[in-house]
Amino acid sequence: MSRLPAFFFIVSILILSSCALPDVQSTVPPVSHQQWDALLKKHVNDEGLVNYEGFIADSTDLNIYLKDLSEHHPNGGWTSNERKAYWINAYNAFTVQLIIRNYPLESIKDIAGNLYKINTPWDIRFIIIEGADYDLNNIEHDILRKRWDDPRIHFAVNCASISCPKLQRFAFSAKALDAELDQCAKAFINDPKFNSITPESAELSRIFKWFSGDFTQETDIIGYINRYSNTPLNEDAEITYKEYDWGLNRMVD
């Protein structure tokens, strides 16, 4: 019994340390995402499914882009949209790298364990940017969600799973970012693969349950869905949530 407090103390320290972000002092200019854009157009289809074998074949080009990301840490000389687009693209590109490093596999969740903030695939510190190390959770939760407070980010980052919002066939850009995020929100909410909506009821992606606080800061879930839905929900519509499919979002011949 005496070992339990020590165990929970160690777990608490690990969780706190995993949330701490490095203080990177950088003056590098914004990075170009053209190479990532070309790879996405080549290896992602309209359904958001990914040809991971194609990414493996083009791993040299992918690694050149990731090296560029690793040498260009966002800083105060970049606009807010340049930083935001960088981190969204980084999340998606490094996720692809994580998958192809472990390919073949059936699910991203096969890569590591299931202890949240300890040893999940999203807790692996494999991302190095100007000497600072990050995991995918850092990028999504400690940077993107925390700094921008924009629920549309959930529709832009892709966790390599069937129930995740689609990996887009374009790299996010600073100039068109707001329109691109609106496009992602509208496409995801109106896709019956992710959300089944009638005026009287909606079976929604579990993302809306897991991150309900992000979507309900200014309205309720129904109000948020109605911002983008082609089928408006009644105020008293019944809301349920779909099961989440963690199967790999791979393209099948």
C-alpha atoms as a PDB file:
ATOM      1  CA  MET A   1       0.000   0.000   0.000  1.00  0.00           C
ATOM      2  CA  SER A   2       2.848   2.398   0.732  1.00  0.00           C
ATOM      3  CA  ARG A   3       3.910   2.259  -2.919  1.00  0.00           C
ATOM      4  CA  LEU A   4       0.633   3.715  -4.220  1.00  0.00           C
ATOM      5  CA  PRO A   5       1.217   7.358  -3.155  1.00  0.00           C
ATOM      6  CA  ALA A   6       4.670   7.254  -4.712  1.00  0.00           C
ATOM      7  CA  PHE A   7       3.218   5.843  -7.924  1.00  0.00           C
ATOM      8  CA  PHE A   8       0.576   8.553  -8.184  1.00  0.00           C
ATOM      9  CA  PHE A   9       3.188  11.196  -7.360  1.00  0.00           C
ATOM     10  CA  ILE A  10       5.372   9.992 -10.232  1.00  0.00           C
ATOM     11  CA  VAL A  11       2.367   9.903 -12.591  1.00  0.00           C
ATOM     12  CA  SER A  12       1.446  13.465 -11.548  1.00  0.00           C
ATOM     13  CA  ILE A  13       4.988  14.681 -12.223  1.00  0.00           C
ATOM     14  CA  LEU A  14       4.978  13.022 -15.631  1.00  0.00           C
ATOM     15  CA  ILE A  15       1.655  14.617 -16.533  1.00  0.00           C
ATOM     16  CA  LEU A  16       2.807  18.058 -15.438  1.00  0.00           C
ATOM     17  CA  SER A  17       6.121  17.743 -17.261  1.00  0.00           C
ATOM     18  CA  SER A  18       4.373  16.588 -20.426  1.00  0.00           C
ATOM     19  CA  CYS A  19       2.307  19.775 -20.398  1.00  0.00           C
ATOM     20  CA  ALA A  20       5.268  22.121 -20.003  1.00  0.00           C
ATOM     21  CA  LEU A  21       6.233  23.741 -23.288  1.00  0.00           C
ATOM     22  CA  PRO A  22       9.808  24.797 -24.029  1.00  0.00           C
ATOM     23  CA  ASP A  23      10.706  28.467 -24.298  1.00  0.00           C
ATOM     24  CA  VAL A  24      12.198  28.676 -27.773  1.00  0.00           C
ATOM     25  CA  GLN A  25      13.861  31.924 -28.797  1.00  0.00           C
ATOM     26  CA  SER A  26      13.785  32.070 -32.585  1.00  0.00           C
ATOM     27  CA  THR A  27      13.957  34.698 -35.321  1.00  0.00           C
ATOM     28  CA  VAL A  28      13.515  32.445 -38.368  1.00  0.00           C
ATOM     29  CA  PRO A  29      11.017  33.499 -41.071  1.00  0.00           C
ATOM     30  CA  PRO A  30       7.790  31.596 -41.809  1.00  0.00           C
ATOM     31  CA  VAL A  31       8.151  28.267 -43.550  1.00  0.00           C
ATOM     32  CA  SER A  32       6.676  27.355 -46.938  1.00  0.00           C
ATOM     33  CA  HIS A  33       4.128  24.523 -46.960  1.00  0.00           C
ATOM     34  CA  GLN A  34       4.192  23.965 -50.731  1.00  0.00           C
ATOM     35  CA  GLN A  35       5.965  20.607 -50.516  1.00  0.00           C
ATOM     36  CA  TRP A  36       3.431  19.314 -47.979  1.00  0.00           C
ATOM     37  CA  ASP A  37       0.625  20.583 -50.213  1.00  0.00           C
ATOM     38  CA  ALA A  38       2.032  18.629 -53.173  1.00  0.00           C
ATOM     39  CA  LEU A  39       2.350  15.433 -51.112  1.00  0.00           C
ATOM     40  CA  LEU A  40      -1.229  15.727 -49.852  1.00  0.00           C
ATOM     41  CA  LYS A  41      -2.595  16.200 -53.356  1.00  0.00           C
ATOM     42  CA  LYS A  42      -0.647  13.148 -54.492  1.00  0.00           C
ATOM     43  CA  HIS A  43      -1.364  10.732 -51.639  1.00  0.00           C
ATOM     44  CA  VAL A  44      -4.765  11.698 -50.180  1.00  0.00           C
ATOM     45  CA  ASN A  45      -8.064  11.123 -51.974  1.00  0.00           C
ATOM     46  CA  ASP A  46     -11.316  13.083 -51.844  1.00  0.00           C
ATOM     47  CA  GLU A  47     -12.577  10.873 -49.008  1.00  0.00           C
ATOM     48  CA  GLY A  48      -9.602  11.842 -46.873  1.00  0.00           C
ATOM     49  CA  LEU A  49      -8.101   8.351 -47.104  1.00  0.00           C
ATOM     50  CA  VAL A  50      -4.327   8.152 -47.215  1.00  0.00           C
ATOM     51  CA  ASN A  51      -1.967   6.184 -49.421  1.00  0.00           C
ATOM     52  CA  TYR A  52       0.635   5.492 -46.734  1.00  0.00           C
ATOM     53  CA  GLU A  53       2.642   3.290 -49.107  1.00  0.00           C
ATOM     54  CA  GLY A  54       2.883   6.323 -51.377  1.00  0.00           C
ATOM     55  CA  PHE A  55       4.134   8.468 -48.496  1.00  0.00           C
ATOM     56  CA  ILE A  56       6.734   5.787 -47.750  1.00  0.00           C
ATOM     57  CA  ALA A  57       7.875   5.882 -51.372  1.00  0.00           C
ATOM     58  CA  ASP A  58       8.084   9.676 -51.146  1.00  0.00           C
ATOM     59  CA  SER A  59       9.579   9.700 -47.653  1.00  0.00           C
ATOM     60  CA  THR A  60      12.567  11.714 -48.884  1.00  0.00           C
ATOM     61  CA  ASP A  61      10.274  14.579 -49.888  1.00  0.00           C
ATOM     62  CA  LEU A  62       8.305  14.258 -46.651  1.00  0.00           C
ATOM     63  CA  ASN A  63      11.504  14.326 -44.600  1.00  0.00           C
ATOM     64  CA  ILE A  64      12.695  17.454 -46.406  1.00  0.00           C
ATOM     65  CA  TYR A  65       9.452  19.197 -45.421  1.00  0.00           C
ATOM     66  CA  LEU A  66       9.650  17.941 -41.831  1.00  0.00           C
ATOM     67  CA  LYS A  67      13.272  19.118 -41.634  1.00  0.00           C
ATOM     68  CA  ASP A  68      12.081  22.537 -42.792  1.00  0.00           C
ATOM     69  CA  LEU A  69       9.472  22.540 -40.010  1.00  0.00           C
ATOM     70  CA  SER A  70      12.117  21.459 -37.509  1.00  0.00           C
ATOM     71  CA  GLU A  71      14.336  24.395 -38.450  1.00  0.00           C
ATOM     72  CA  HIS A  72      11.569  27.034 -38.356  1.00  0.00           C
ATOM     73  CA  HIS A  73       9.978  27.417 -34.940  1.00  0.00           C
ATOM     74  CA  PRO A  74       7.071  29.917 -34.938  1.00  0.00           C
ATOM     75  CA  ASN A  75       7.946  33.182 -33.236  1.00  0.00           C
ATOM     76  CA  GLY A  76       6.703  36.717 -32.627  1.00  0.00           C
ATOM     77  CA  GLY A  77       7.818  37.812 -36.085  1.00  0.00           C
ATOM     78  CA  TRP A  78       5.105  35.648 -37.652  1.00  0.00           C
ATOM     79  CA  THR A  79       1.467  36.638 -37.918  1.00  0.00           C
ATOM     80  CA  SER A  80      -1.086  34.755 -35.840  1.00  0.00           C
ATOM     81  CA  ASN A  81      -2.333  32.925 -38.939  1.00  0.00           C
ATOM     82  CA  GLU A  82       1.209  31.970 -39.961  1.00  0.00           C
ATOM     83  CA  ARG A  83       1.771  30.386 -36.556  1.00  0.00           C
ATOM     84  CA  LYS A  84      -1.640  28.712 -36.524  1.00  0.00           C
ATOM     85  CA  ALA A  85      -1.281  27.257 -40.039  1.00  0.00           C
ATOM     86  CA  TYR A  86       2.220  26.051 -39.164  1.00  0.00           C
ATOM     87  CA  TRP A  87       1.049  24.071 -36.124  1.00  0.00           C
ATOM     88  CA  ILE A  88      -1.942  22.541 -37.942  1.00  0.00           C
ATOM     89  CA  ASN A  89       0.261  21.415 -40.836  1.00  0.00           C
ATOM     90  CA  ALA A  90       2.922  20.199 -38.399  1.00  0.00           C
ATOM     91  CA  TYR A  91       0.395  18.107 -36.478  1.00  0.00           C
ATOM     92  CA  ASN A  92      -0.842  16.432 -39.665  1.00  0.00           C
ATOM     93  CA  ALA A  93       2.580  15.921 -41.254  1.00  0.00           C
ATOM     94  CA  PHE A  94       4.212  14.517 -38.131  1.00  0.00           C
ATOM     95  CA  THR A  95       1.223  12.203 -37.655  1.00  0.00           C
ATOM     96  CA  VAL A  96       1.842  10.798 -41.132  1.00  0.00           C
ATOM     97  CA  GLN A  97       5.500  10.339 -40.205  1.00  0.00           C
ATOM     98  CA  LEU A  98       4.521   8.469 -37.031  1.00  0.00           C
ATOM     99  CA  ILE A  99       2.276   6.140 -39.036  1.00  0.00           C
ATOM    100  CA  ILE A 100       4.792   5.312 -41.765  1.00  0.00           C
ATOM    101  CA  ARG A 101       7.521   4.716 -39.183  1.00  0.00           C
ATOM    102  CA  ASN A 102       5.314   1.979 -37.713  1.00  0.00           C
ATOM    103  CA  TYR A 103       3.614   0.784 -40.891  1.00  0.00           C
ATOM    104  CA  PRO A 104       1.876  -1.588 -41.463  1.00  0.00           C
ATOM    105  CA  LEU A 105      -0.637  -1.320 -38.620  1.00  0.00           C
ATOM    106  CA  GLU A 106      -4.382  -1.422 -38.139  1.00  0.00           C
ATOM    107  CA  SER A 107      -4.730   1.647 -35.913  1.00  0.00           C
ATOM    108  CA  ILE A 108      -2.625   4.508 -34.618  1.00  0.00           C
ATOM    109  CA  LYS A 109      -3.503   3.190 -31.153  1.00  0.00           C
ATOM    110  CA  ASP A 110      -1.406   0.072 -31.880  1.00  0.00           C
ATOM    111  CA  ILE A 111       1.753   2.168 -31.627  1.00  0.00           C
ATOM    112  CA  ALA A 112       1.823   2.726 -27.856  1.00  0.00           C
ATOM    113  CA  GLY A 113      -0.192   2.259 -24.670  1.00  0.00           C
ATOM    114  CA  ASN A 114      -3.444   3.670 -23.328  1.00  0.00           C
ATOM    115  CA  LEU A 115      -2.411   5.730 -20.288  1.00  0.00           C
ATOM    116  CA  TYR A 116      -3.546   9.244 -21.147  1.00  0.00           C
ATOM    117  CA  LYS A 117      -0.748  11.829 -21.001  1.00  0.00           C
ATOM    118  CA  ILE A 118       1.706   9.014 -20.278  1.00  0.00           C
ATOM    119  CA  ASN A 119       2.249   6.566 -23.141  1.00  0.00           C
ATOM    120  CA  THR A 120      -0.365   6.962 -25.864  1.00  0.00           C
ATOM    121  CA  PRO A 121       0.747   7.583 -29.471  1.00  0.00           C
ATOM    122  CA  TRP A 122       0.035  11.257 -28.841  1.00  0.00           C
ATOM    123  CA  ASP A 123       2.505  11.347 -25.941  1.00  0.00           C
ATOM    124  CA  ILE A 124       5.586  10.180 -27.863  1.00  0.00           C
ATOM    125  CA  ARG A 125       8.136  13.014 -27.900  1.00  0.00           C
ATOM    126  CA  PHE A 126       9.400  12.450 -31.432  1.00  0.00           C
ATOM    127  CA  ILE A 127       8.956  15.984 -32.787  1.00  0.00           C
ATOM    128  CA  ILE A 128      12.065  18.192 -32.538  1.00  0.00           C
ATOM    129  CA  ILE A 129      11.757  21.858 -33.547  1.00  0.00           C
ATOM    130  CA  GLU A 130      14.837  24.034 -33.120  1.00  0.00           C
ATOM    131  CA  GLY A 131      16.077  21.814 -30.316  1.00  0.00           C
ATOM    132  CA  ALA A 132      12.762  21.671 -28.433  1.00  0.00           C
ATOM    133  CA  ASP A 133      10.869  18.387 -28.255  1.00  0.00           C
ATOM    134  CA  TYR A 134       7.102  18.032 -28.600  1.00  0.00           C
ATOM    135  CA  ASP A 135       4.472  15.347 -28.812  1.00  0.00           C
ATOM    136  CA  LEU A 136       1.197  15.522 -30.730  1.00  0.00           C
ATOM    137  CA  ASN A 137      -0.753  16.307 -27.561  1.00  0.00           C
ATOM    138  CA  ASN A 138       1.454  19.351 -26.991  1.00  0.00           C
ATOM    139  CA  ILE A 139       0.642  20.656 -30.447  1.00  0.00           C
ATOM    140  CA  GLU A 140      -3.102  20.046 -30.314  1.00  0.00           C
ATOM    141  CA  HIS A 141      -3.985  20.813 -26.709  1.00  0.00           C
ATOM    142  CA  ASP A 142      -1.215  23.019 -25.323  1.00  0.00           C
ATOM    143  CA  ILE A 143      -0.678  25.110 -28.440  1.00  0.00           C
ATOM    144  CA  LEU A 144      -3.553  25.060 -30.939  1.00  0.00           C
ATOM    145  CA  ARG A 145      -6.538  24.787 -28.589  1.00  0.00           C
ATOM    146  CA  LYS A 146      -5.027  26.861 -25.810  1.00  0.00           C
ATOM    147  CA  ARG A 147      -3.609  29.750 -27.815  1.00  0.00           C
ATOM    148  CA  TRP A 148      -6.331  30.226 -30.412  1.00  0.00           C
ATOM    149  CA  ASP A 149      -9.504  29.034 -28.742  1.00  0.00           C
ATOM    150  CA  ASP A 150     -10.960  28.137 -32.155  1.00  0.00           C
ATOM    151  CA  PRO A 151     -13.162  24.994 -32.229  1.00  0.00           C
ATOM    152  CA  ARG A 152     -12.670  24.689 -35.993  1.00  0.00           C
ATOM    153  CA  ILE A 153      -9.178  23.363 -35.244  1.00  0.00           C
ATOM    154  CA  HIS A 154     -10.832  20.034 -34.395  1.00  0.00           C
ATOM    155  CA  PHE A 155     -11.913  19.693 -38.031  1.00  0.00           C
ATOM    156  CA  ALA A 156      -8.434  20.494 -39.388  1.00  0.00           C
ATOM    157  CA  VAL A 157      -6.140  18.180 -37.415  1.00  0.00           C
ATOM    158  CA  ASN A 158      -6.188  14.536 -38.384  1.00  0.00           C
ATOM    159  CA  CYS A 159      -5.438  11.609 -36.059  1.00  0.00           C
ATOM    160  CA  ALA A 160      -5.027   9.021 -38.837  1.00  0.00           C
ATOM    161  CA  SER A 161      -8.312   7.303 -37.992  1.00  0.00           C
ATOM    162  CA  ILE A 162     -11.523   6.616 -39.894  1.00  0.00           C
ATOM    163  CA  SER A 163     -13.711   8.674 -37.548  1.00  0.00           C
ATOM    164  CA  CYS A 164     -11.301  11.623 -37.504  1.00  0.00           C
ATOM    165  CA  PRO A 165     -12.119  14.616 -39.676  1.00  0.00           C
ATOM    166  CA  LYS A 166     -10.620  14.055 -43.095  1.00  0.00           C
ATOM    167  CA  LEU A 167      -6.985  14.777 -43.822  1.00  0.00           C
ATOM    168  CA  GLN A 168      -7.378  17.588 -46.321  1.00  0.00           C
ATOM    169  CA  ARG A 169      -5.801  17.462 -49.775  1.00  0.00           C
ATOM    170  CA  PHE A 170      -4.156  20.824 -49.216  1.00  0.00           C
ATOM    171  CA  ALA A 171      -1.759  22.429 -46.783  1.00  0.00           C
ATOM    172  CA  PHE A 172      -3.290  25.133 -44.631  1.00  0.00           C
ATOM    173  CA  SER A 173      -2.128  28.623 -45.534  1.00  0.00           C
ATOM    174  CA  ALA A 174      -1.968  31.842 -43.542  1.00  0.00           C
ATOM    175  CA  LYS A 175      -3.651  33.907 -46.263  1.00  0.00           C
ATOM    176  CA  ALA A 176      -6.722  31.695 -46.639  1.00  0.00           C
ATOM    177  CA  LEU A 177      -6.811  30.118 -43.175  1.00  0.00           C
ATOM    178  CA  ASP A 178     -10.179  31.423 -41.988  1.00  0.00           C
ATOM    179  CA  ALA A 179     -11.920  30.294 -45.172  1.00  0.00           C
ATOM    180  CA  GLU A 180     -10.143  26.929 -45.051  1.00  0.00           C
ATOM    181  CA  LEU A 181     -11.227  26.309 -41.458  1.00  0.00           C
ATOM    182  CA  ASP A 182     -14.818  27.254 -42.305  1.00  0.00           C
ATOM    183  CA  GLN A 183     -14.637  24.856 -45.245  1.00  0.00           C
ATOM    184  CA  CYS A 184     -13.426  22.060 -42.949  1.00  0.00           C
ATOM    185  CA  ALA A 185     -16.163  22.723 -40.385  1.00  0.00           C
ATOM    186  CA  LYS A 186     -18.924  22.769 -42.989  1.00  0.00           C
ATOM    187  CA  ALA A 187     -17.634  19.661 -44.767  1.00  0.00           C
ATOM    188  CA  PHE A 188     -17.271  17.660 -41.548  1.00  0.00           C
ATOM    189  CA  ILE A 189     -20.614  18.599 -40.024  1.00  0.00           C
ATOM    190  CA  ASN A 190     -22.522  17.876 -43.233  1.00  0.00           C
ATOM    191  CA  ASP A 191     -20.825  14.555 -43.996  1.00  0.00           C
ATOM    192  CA  PRO A 192     -23.169  11.672 -43.004  1.00  0.00           C
ATOM    193  CA  LYS A 193     -20.112   9.519 -42.384  1.00  0.00           C
ATOM    194  CA  PHE A 194     -19.403  11.666 -39.325  1.00  0.00           C
ATOM    195  CA  ASN A 195     -22.760  13.232 -38.409  1.00  0.00           C
ATOM    196  CA  SER A 196     -26.350  12.137 -39.152  1.00  0.00           C
ATOM    197  CA  ILE A 197     -28.605  15.186 -38.887  1.00  0.00           C
ATOM    198  CA  THR A 198     -32.361  15.715 -39.239  1.00  0.00           C
ATOM    199  CA  PRO A 199     -34.334  18.649 -37.811  1.00  0.00           C
ATOM    200  CA  GLU A 200     -35.561  16.471 -34.935  1.00  0.00           C
ATOM    201  CA  SER A 201     -32.361  14.616 -34.016  1.00  0.00           C
ATOM    202  CA  ALA A 202     -28.659  14.331 -34.598  1.00  0.00           C
ATOM    203  CA  GLU A 203     -26.203  11.489 -34.109  1.00  0.00           C
ATOM    204  CA  LEU A 204     -22.968  13.427 -33.885  1.00  0.00           C
ATOM    205  CA  SER A 205     -19.293  12.636 -33.928  1.00  0.00           C
ATOM    206  CA  ARG A 206     -17.988  11.870 -30.458  1.00  0.00           C
ATOM    207  CA  ILE A 207     -15.625  14.828 -30.946  1.00  0.00           C
ATOM    208  CA  PHE A 208     -18.553  17.065 -29.995  1.00  0.00           C
ATOM    209  CA  LYS A 209     -18.894  15.155 -26.721  1.00  0.00           C
ATOM    210  CA  TRP A 210     -15.203  14.897 -25.861  1.00  0.00           C
ATOM    211  CA  PHE A 211     -14.587  18.588 -26.492  1.00  0.00           C
ATOM    212  CA  SER A 212     -18.032  19.969 -25.711  1.00  0.00           C
ATOM    213  CA  GLY A 213     -16.526  22.866 -23.774  1.00  0.00           C
ATOM    214  CA  ASP A 214     -14.771  24.107 -26.919  1.00  0.00           C
ATOM    215  CA  PHE A 215     -18.027  24.199 -28.872  1.00  0.00           C
ATOM    216  CA  THR A 216     -20.296  25.675 -26.199  1.00  0.00           C
ATOM    217  CA  GLN A 217     -18.467  28.806 -25.084  1.00  0.00           C
ATOM    218  CA  GLU A 218     -20.825  31.071 -27.042  1.00  0.00           C
ATOM    219  CA  THR A 219     -23.774  28.745 -27.664  1.00  0.00           C
ATOM    220  CA  ASP A 220     -24.889  25.151 -27.076  1.00  0.00           C
ATOM    221  CA  ILE A 221     -24.062  22.163 -29.263  1.00  0.00           C
ATOM    222  CA  ILE A 222     -27.218  22.637 -31.334  1.00  0.00           C
ATOM    223  CA  GLY A 223     -26.376  26.295 -31.883  1.00  0.00           C
ATOM    224  CA  TYR A 224     -22.851  25.428 -32.978  1.00  0.00           C
ATOM    225  CA  ILE A 225     -24.009  22.710 -35.384  1.00  0.00           C
ATOM    226  CA  ASN A 226     -26.528  25.127 -36.903  1.00  0.00           C
ATOM    227  CA  ARG A 227     -23.758  27.552 -37.834  1.00  0.00           C
ATOM    228  CA  TYR A 228     -22.588  25.109 -40.496  1.00  0.00           C
ATOM    229  CA  SER A 229     -25.297  22.481 -41.001  1.00  0.00           C
ATOM    230  CA  ASN A 230     -27.257  22.360 -44.237  1.00  0.00           C
ATOM    231  CA  THR A 231     -30.085  20.877 -42.145  1.00  0.00           C
ATOM    232  CA  PRO A 232     -30.819  23.136 -39.160  1.00  0.00           C
ATOM    233  CA  LEU A 233     -31.587  21.370 -35.901  1.00  0.00           C
ATOM    234  CA  ASN A 234     -34.667  22.242 -33.885  1.00  0.00           C
ATOM    235  CA  GLU A 235     -33.937  23.781 -30.494  1.00  0.00           C
ATOM    236  CA  ASP A 236     -35.235  20.645 -28.761  1.00  0.00           C
ATOM    237  CA  ALA A 237     -33.569  18.150 -31.117  1.00  0.00           C
ATOM    238  CA  GLU A 238     -32.359  14.922 -29.534  1.00  0.00           C
ATOM    239  CA  ILE A 239     -28.567  14.614 -29.520  1.00  0.00           C
ATOM    240  CA  THR A 240     -26.706  11.291 -29.410  1.00  0.00           C
ATOM    241  CA  TYR A 241     -23.139  10.383 -30.331  1.00  0.00           C
ATOM    242  CA  LYS A 242     -21.614   7.862 -32.726  1.00  0.00           C
ATOM    243  CA  GLU A 243     -19.070   5.249 -31.760  1.00  0.00           C
ATOM    244  CA  TYR A 244     -15.548   6.258 -32.753  1.00  0.00           C
ATOM    245  CA  ASP A 245     -13.723   4.110 -35.290  1.00  0.00           C
ATOM    246  CA  TRP A 246      -9.972   4.162 -34.591  1.00  0.00           C
ATOM    247  CA  GLY A 247      -9.184   2.044 -37.649  1.00  0.00           C
ATOM    248  CA  LEU A 248      -6.401   3.450 -39.831  1.00  0.00           C
ATOM    249  CA  ASN A 249      -7.593   5.901 -42.496  1.00  0.00           C
ATOM    250  CA  ARG A 250      -5.641   4.126 -45.197  1.00  0.00           C
ATOM    251  CA  MET A 251      -6.512   3.958 -48.855  1.00  0.00           C
ATOM    252  CA  VAL A 252      -7.415   0.447 -49.939  1.00  0.00           C
ATOM    253  CA  ASP A 253      -6.794  -0.772 -53.499  1.00  0.00           C
END
